[in-house]
Protein backbone atom coordinates (compact mmCIF):
# COMPACT_ATOMS: atom_id res chain seq x y z
CA MET A 1 62.92 -70.54 -23.10
CA LYS A 2 61.75 -70.50 -26.73
CA GLU A 3 60.16 -73.65 -28.11
CA VAL A 4 61.05 -74.49 -31.73
CA LEU A 5 59.49 -77.32 -33.74
CA VAL A 6 61.58 -78.63 -36.63
CA ILE A 7 59.58 -80.60 -39.23
CA HIS A 8 60.71 -82.18 -42.47
CA TYR A 9 60.54 -85.19 -44.77
CA SER A 10 63.65 -86.47 -46.53
CA GLN A 11 64.24 -89.67 -48.50
CA SER A 12 67.92 -89.26 -49.34
CA GLY A 13 69.02 -87.43 -46.18
CA GLN A 14 70.09 -84.30 -48.07
CA LEU A 15 67.34 -82.12 -46.60
CA THR A 16 68.02 -83.58 -43.15
CA ASP A 17 71.62 -82.34 -43.36
CA ILE A 18 70.45 -78.86 -44.38
CA ILE A 19 67.88 -78.63 -41.59
CA ASN A 20 70.35 -79.88 -38.97
CA ASN A 21 72.91 -77.28 -40.06
CA ILE A 22 70.41 -74.43 -39.92
CA VAL A 23 69.17 -75.29 -36.42
CA SER A 24 72.58 -76.17 -34.93
CA PRO A 25 73.05 -72.61 -33.53
CA PHE A 26 69.73 -73.02 -31.67
CA LYS A 27 71.16 -75.62 -29.32
CA THR A 28 71.60 -73.37 -26.30
CA ASP A 29 69.89 -72.73 -22.98
CA GLU A 30 67.71 -70.09 -24.67
CA THR A 31 65.91 -72.48 -27.03
CA ASN A 32 64.47 -75.97 -26.94
CA LEU A 33 64.27 -77.95 -30.18
CA THR A 34 61.67 -80.62 -30.93
CA PHE A 35 62.21 -82.67 -34.09
CA LEU A 36 59.41 -84.23 -36.12
CA ASN A 37 60.09 -86.37 -39.18
CA ILE A 38 57.03 -86.79 -41.38
CA GLU A 39 56.23 -90.49 -41.80
CA MET A 40 53.76 -92.06 -44.20
CA GLU A 41 51.46 -94.93 -43.27
CA THR A 42 52.56 -96.48 -46.58
CA PRO A 43 56.13 -95.28 -47.18
CA PHE A 44 57.35 -94.19 -50.60
CA PRO A 45 60.31 -96.17 -51.96
CA PHE A 46 63.89 -95.00 -52.18
CA PRO A 47 65.50 -95.67 -54.53
CA TRP A 48 62.53 -95.46 -56.89
CA ASN A 49 61.72 -97.56 -59.90
CA LYS A 50 60.41 -95.68 -62.93
CA LYS A 51 56.85 -96.99 -62.65
CA GLN A 52 56.52 -95.76 -59.06
CA PHE A 53 58.36 -92.49 -59.72
CA TYR A 54 56.14 -91.37 -62.59
CA GLY A 55 53.04 -93.02 -61.14
CA VAL A 56 53.01 -90.69 -58.14
CA PHE A 57 52.86 -87.59 -60.36
CA PRO A 58 49.07 -86.94 -60.52
CA GLU A 59 48.41 -87.16 -56.78
CA THR A 60 51.53 -85.12 -56.02
CA PHE A 61 50.71 -82.30 -58.41
CA LEU A 62 47.02 -82.20 -57.48
CA GLN A 63 47.99 -82.32 -53.77
CA ILE A 64 45.74 -85.28 -52.99
CA PRO A 65 46.83 -86.36 -49.52
CA GLU A 66 47.63 -89.84 -48.32
CA LYS A 67 47.73 -90.98 -44.70
CA THR A 68 50.60 -89.88 -42.51
CA LYS A 69 51.49 -91.35 -39.14
CA PRO A 70 50.09 -89.33 -36.20
CA VAL A 71 52.30 -86.85 -34.38
CA PRO A 72 53.40 -88.09 -30.92
CA LYS A 73 51.19 -86.60 -28.20
CA ASN A 74 54.08 -85.00 -26.30
CA THR A 75 55.00 -83.12 -29.51
CA LEU A 76 51.44 -82.30 -30.52
CA ASN A 77 50.40 -80.85 -27.18
CA LYS A 78 53.13 -78.19 -26.94
CA LYS A 79 52.77 -74.59 -28.03
CA TYR A 80 55.67 -73.50 -30.23
CA ASP A 81 57.20 -70.08 -30.72
CA LEU A 82 58.48 -71.01 -34.19
CA ILE A 83 58.22 -73.85 -36.72
CA ILE A 84 61.07 -74.54 -39.12
CA PHE A 85 59.54 -76.54 -41.95
CA GLY A 86 61.73 -78.27 -44.52
CA PHE A 87 60.42 -79.74 -47.75
CA SER A 88 61.57 -80.91 -51.16
CA ILE A 89 59.91 -80.50 -54.55
CA TRP A 90 58.18 -83.25 -56.48
CA TYR A 91 56.73 -82.30 -59.86
CA LEU A 92 56.80 -78.52 -59.24
CA THR A 93 54.86 -79.09 -55.99
CA PRO A 94 55.79 -79.71 -52.35
CA SER A 95 56.44 -83.45 -52.01
CA LEU A 96 53.40 -85.65 -51.49
CA PRO A 97 54.41 -86.53 -47.89
CA THR A 98 54.68 -82.80 -47.21
CA THR A 99 51.24 -81.93 -48.56
CA SER A 100 49.74 -85.03 -46.95
CA PHE A 101 51.00 -83.92 -43.55
CA LEU A 102 49.75 -80.36 -44.09
CA HIS A 103 46.25 -81.73 -44.69
CA SER A 104 46.24 -83.68 -41.41
CA PRO A 105 44.39 -82.58 -38.25
CA ASP A 106 47.72 -82.61 -36.42
CA ALA A 107 49.17 -79.98 -38.76
CA LYS A 108 46.11 -77.81 -38.27
CA LYS A 109 46.72 -77.82 -34.52
CA LEU A 110 50.49 -77.29 -34.73
CA PHE A 111 50.55 -74.50 -37.31
CA ALA A 112 47.65 -72.34 -36.14
CA ASN A 113 48.84 -68.83 -35.20
CA THR A 114 52.50 -69.89 -35.32
CA PRO A 115 55.42 -68.24 -37.19
CA VAL A 116 56.93 -70.52 -39.84
CA VAL A 117 60.24 -70.50 -41.70
CA THR A 118 60.23 -72.73 -44.79
CA VAL A 119 63.42 -74.43 -45.98
CA ILE A 120 63.45 -75.85 -49.51
CA GLY A 121 65.94 -78.30 -50.96
CA CYS A 122 65.41 -78.83 -54.69
CA ARG A 123 66.85 -79.31 -58.18
CA ASN A 124 66.05 -75.90 -59.64
CA MET A 125 62.36 -74.91 -59.90
CA TRP A 126 60.67 -74.05 -56.59
CA ILE A 127 58.77 -70.79 -57.08
CA MET A 128 55.28 -72.11 -57.82
CA ALA A 129 55.71 -74.86 -55.24
CA GLN A 130 56.35 -72.16 -52.65
CA GLU A 131 53.24 -70.31 -53.81
CA LYS A 132 51.26 -73.49 -53.13
CA MET A 133 52.94 -73.71 -49.73
CA LYS A 134 52.04 -70.09 -48.94
CA LYS A 135 48.38 -70.79 -49.69
CA ARG A 136 48.30 -73.92 -47.55
CA LEU A 137 49.98 -72.17 -44.62
CA GLN A 138 47.45 -69.37 -44.90
CA GLU A 139 44.64 -71.94 -44.77
CA LEU A 140 46.23 -73.35 -41.61
CA GLN A 141 46.31 -69.80 -40.16
CA ALA A 142 50.10 -69.97 -39.89
CA ASN A 143 52.34 -66.94 -40.31
CA LEU A 144 55.06 -67.42 -42.91
CA VAL A 145 57.99 -65.24 -41.81
CA GLY A 146 60.95 -66.59 -43.75
CA ASN A 147 62.02 -68.75 -46.68
CA ILE A 148 65.38 -70.36 -47.48
CA VAL A 149 66.10 -72.21 -50.74
CA LEU A 150 69.06 -74.41 -51.54
CA ALA A 151 69.16 -75.70 -55.12
CA ASP A 152 71.35 -77.74 -57.43
CA ARG A 153 73.72 -75.25 -59.12
CA HIS A 154 74.36 -77.32 -62.25
CA ILE A 155 72.73 -76.45 -65.56
CA ASN A 156 69.29 -77.94 -66.22
CA HIS A 157 70.27 -80.75 -68.58
CA ILE A 158 73.15 -81.90 -66.39
CA SER A 159 71.06 -81.93 -63.22
CA VAL A 160 68.23 -83.85 -64.94
CA ILE A 161 70.65 -86.68 -65.71
CA THR A 162 72.37 -86.73 -62.32
CA ILE A 163 69.19 -86.45 -60.23
CA ALA A 164 67.47 -89.21 -62.21
CA GLN A 165 70.45 -91.49 -61.65
CA TRP A 166 70.37 -90.71 -57.91
CA MET A 167 66.61 -91.29 -57.58
CA PHE A 168 66.74 -94.64 -59.44
CA SER A 169 69.96 -95.97 -57.91
CA GLY A 170 69.86 -94.49 -54.41
CA LYS A 171 73.55 -93.62 -54.75
CA LYS A 172 74.80 -90.04 -54.59
CA GLU A 173 77.84 -90.49 -56.77
CA ARG A 174 79.32 -89.26 -60.04
CA PHE A 175 77.37 -90.93 -62.85
CA LEU A 176 79.76 -92.76 -65.24
CA GLY A 177 82.60 -91.08 -63.37
CA ILE A 178 82.28 -87.94 -65.52
CA PHE A 179 79.14 -86.18 -64.33
CA PRO A 180 79.18 -84.07 -61.15
CA LYS A 181 77.67 -85.44 -57.97
CA PRO A 182 73.89 -85.01 -57.96
CA GLY A 183 71.95 -82.63 -55.77
CA ILE A 184 72.92 -79.59 -53.77
CA ALA A 185 76.66 -78.96 -53.47
CA GLN A 186 78.13 -80.03 -50.14
CA LYS A 187 79.68 -76.59 -49.68
CA ASP A 188 76.20 -75.05 -49.90
CA ILE A 189 74.81 -77.56 -47.42
CA ASP A 190 77.66 -76.84 -45.01
CA ALA A 191 77.27 -73.08 -45.44
CA SER A 192 73.55 -73.21 -44.57
CA VAL A 193 74.56 -73.00 -40.91
CA ARG A 194 74.81 -69.22 -41.44
CA PHE A 195 71.03 -68.89 -41.45
CA GLY A 196 70.64 -70.21 -37.92
CA PRO A 197 71.88 -67.14 -36.01
CA ILE A 198 69.75 -64.85 -38.21
CA ILE A 199 66.57 -66.77 -37.41
CA LYS A 200 67.49 -67.16 -33.76
CA LYS A 201 68.00 -63.41 -33.34
CA HIS A 202 64.45 -62.73 -34.48
CA LEU A 203 63.09 -65.62 -32.42
CA LEU A 204 64.57 -64.30 -29.18
CA ILE A 205 63.10 -60.83 -29.64
CA ASN A 206 59.84 -62.30 -30.97
CA ASN A 207 59.86 -59.99 -33.99
CA TYR A 208 60.03 -61.38 -37.52
CA THR A 209 59.22 -58.21 -39.43
CA THR A 210 62.61 -58.00 -41.13
CA LEU A 211 63.58 -61.67 -41.00
CA GLN A 212 63.15 -62.38 -44.72
CA GLN A 213 65.03 -59.19 -45.56
CA ASP A 214 67.92 -60.34 -43.35
CA LEU A 215 67.88 -63.83 -44.86
CA LEU A 216 67.98 -62.37 -48.37
CA ALA A 217 70.99 -60.29 -47.38
CA ALA A 218 72.68 -63.60 -46.49
CA ASN A 219 71.79 -65.04 -49.94
CA ALA A 220 69.02 -67.30 -48.64
CA LEU A 221 67.68 -67.82 -52.15
CA LYS A 222 68.41 -67.03 -55.77
CA ILE A 223 65.79 -66.45 -58.45
CA LYS A 224 66.52 -66.98 -62.14
CA PRO A 225 63.93 -64.99 -64.13
CA PHE A 226 63.82 -67.61 -66.89
CA LEU A 227 62.71 -70.27 -64.41
CA ILE A 228 59.75 -68.12 -63.32
CA THR A 229 58.43 -68.31 -66.88
CA VAL A 230 59.12 -72.03 -67.24
CA ASP A 231 57.65 -72.87 -63.83
CA LYS A 232 54.39 -71.05 -64.55
CA ARG A 233 53.92 -72.56 -68.00
CA ALA A 234 54.85 -76.04 -66.83
CA ASN A 235 52.29 -75.82 -64.02
CA ILE A 236 49.54 -75.13 -66.55
CA ILE A 237 50.57 -78.13 -68.66
CA PHE A 238 51.09 -80.40 -65.63
CA SER A 239 47.59 -79.54 -64.43
CA LYS A 240 46.12 -80.92 -67.66
CA TRP A 241 48.28 -84.05 -67.57
CA ALA A 242 47.53 -84.77 -63.89
CA SER A 243 43.77 -84.45 -64.36
CA LEU A 244 43.90 -86.60 -67.50
CA ILE A 245 45.87 -89.39 -65.84
CA ARG A 246 43.64 -89.35 -62.73
CA SER A 247 40.59 -89.71 -64.96
CA LYS A 248 41.94 -92.96 -66.40
CA GLY A 249 41.54 -95.04 -63.25
CA GLU A 250 43.22 -96.10 -60.03
CA LYS A 251 46.97 -96.38 -59.53
CA ASN A 252 48.61 -99.21 -61.47
CA SER A 253 45.57 -99.80 -63.67
CA THR A 254 46.57 -100.70 -67.22
CA LYS A 255 44.76 -97.77 -68.81
CA ARG A 256 46.20 -95.24 -66.37
CA GLN A 257 49.70 -96.68 -66.76
CA LEU A 258 49.50 -96.10 -70.49
CA PHE A 259 48.96 -92.37 -69.92
CA VAL A 260 51.66 -92.27 -67.24
CA ASN A 261 54.07 -93.66 -69.83
CA MET A 262 52.93 -91.01 -72.30
CA PHE A 263 53.60 -88.33 -69.67
CA ASN A 264 57.09 -89.75 -69.19
CA TYR A 265 57.82 -89.30 -72.91
CA TYR A 266 56.30 -85.81 -72.81
CA LEU A 267 58.69 -84.86 -69.99
CA LEU A 268 61.69 -85.99 -72.01
CA PHE A 269 60.48 -84.00 -75.01
CA ALA A 270 59.79 -80.92 -72.87
CA ILE A 271 63.21 -81.01 -71.20
CA TRP A 272 65.34 -81.74 -74.25
CA VAL A 273 63.41 -79.98 -77.02
CA MET A 274 60.88 -77.47 -75.70
CA ALA A 275 62.98 -75.95 -72.87
CA PRO A 276 65.81 -74.74 -75.17
CA ILE A 277 63.25 -73.16 -77.53
CA VAL A 278 61.50 -71.42 -74.62
CA PHE A 279 64.89 -70.15 -73.41
CA ILE A 280 65.63 -68.58 -76.80
CA LEU A 281 62.21 -66.91 -76.82
CA PHE A 282 62.84 -65.67 -73.28
CA LEU A 283 66.11 -64.05 -74.33
CA LEU A 284 64.39 -62.33 -77.25
CA THR A 285 61.76 -60.79 -74.95
CA TYR A 286 63.99 -60.15 -71.93
CA LEU A 287 64.47 -56.40 -72.40
CA PRO A 288 60.79 -55.57 -73.05
CA MET A 289 59.84 -57.72 -70.05
CA TYR A 290 62.61 -56.48 -67.73
CA GLY A 291 60.38 -54.28 -65.56
CA ARG A 292 57.80 -57.00 -65.07
CA LEU A 293 60.46 -59.63 -64.33
CA LYS A 294 62.04 -57.34 -61.73
CA LYS A 295 58.71 -57.03 -59.91
CA GLN A 296 58.15 -60.78 -60.08
CA LYS A 297 61.59 -61.44 -58.68
CA ALA A 298 60.94 -59.12 -55.72
CA TYR A 299 57.57 -60.76 -55.00
CA TYR A 300 58.77 -64.37 -55.21
CA SER A 301 61.72 -63.53 -52.96
CA SER A 302 59.28 -62.37 -50.29
CA VAL A 303 56.96 -64.19 -47.90
CA ALA A 304 53.93 -62.25 -49.17
CA LEU A 305 50.97 -63.94 -50.84
CA LYS A 306 49.01 -62.12 -53.50
């Protein structure tokens, strides 16, 4: 019997639904599933208030871990044939609970020399977050063999409004009765069950060489070339902001909060003013950059790490 460990952290329950759908075909006599929900010693709020939401940015982006609750001994002491690891994106980075767990001694023991399939649920940008995940898994001596991404299909400016409303209200409903429901479409969540048999086939033969290729054939992820450019540039700018805010003191200090508020206004400016300009520039350079973008798309679709 194959032992599969299913790990994730979800505040809203959206990622939980995705993970449960993907692993539902595993529930047979051939496989045994163990579920592990990442829990923080000091939980993050949901719904968020704006001070908490923006205040967590520096530690999230810089991947500064906080304490997670220990893994139960009966889970920790097993050897697993596969780990399915679900995570969401906070500030172009795996969520802080995710990175906190991956820096724990328990993660080091669980992930060492173990195949891993990552499952991402996000708004739209995930590419550089997955690069950070690849590096961390490599440090843990894990073997990334597959990646699945489910994202909000709505255009950037619509999803910004709907996701913000969801995060600050805790309600997944149509904002003002006119906007679409926030997050990943329910039909995409329901359809994620199709990935389960693909992963299970490779698990049973203990060969993951072509797993990502098979997942891509089932539309496991979609890359928009424009978002590669935006993600990379935003990471450079976020790095400067995160370091600056961290240098201004401890969480909730008056001086630091001033710079957090400034970052909040910068985000609004970047989303509503800078992003459209960058998109126009991208269109103007698309043809000369086509070859390079094609190579980038192939790389970021893979499980390889440069």
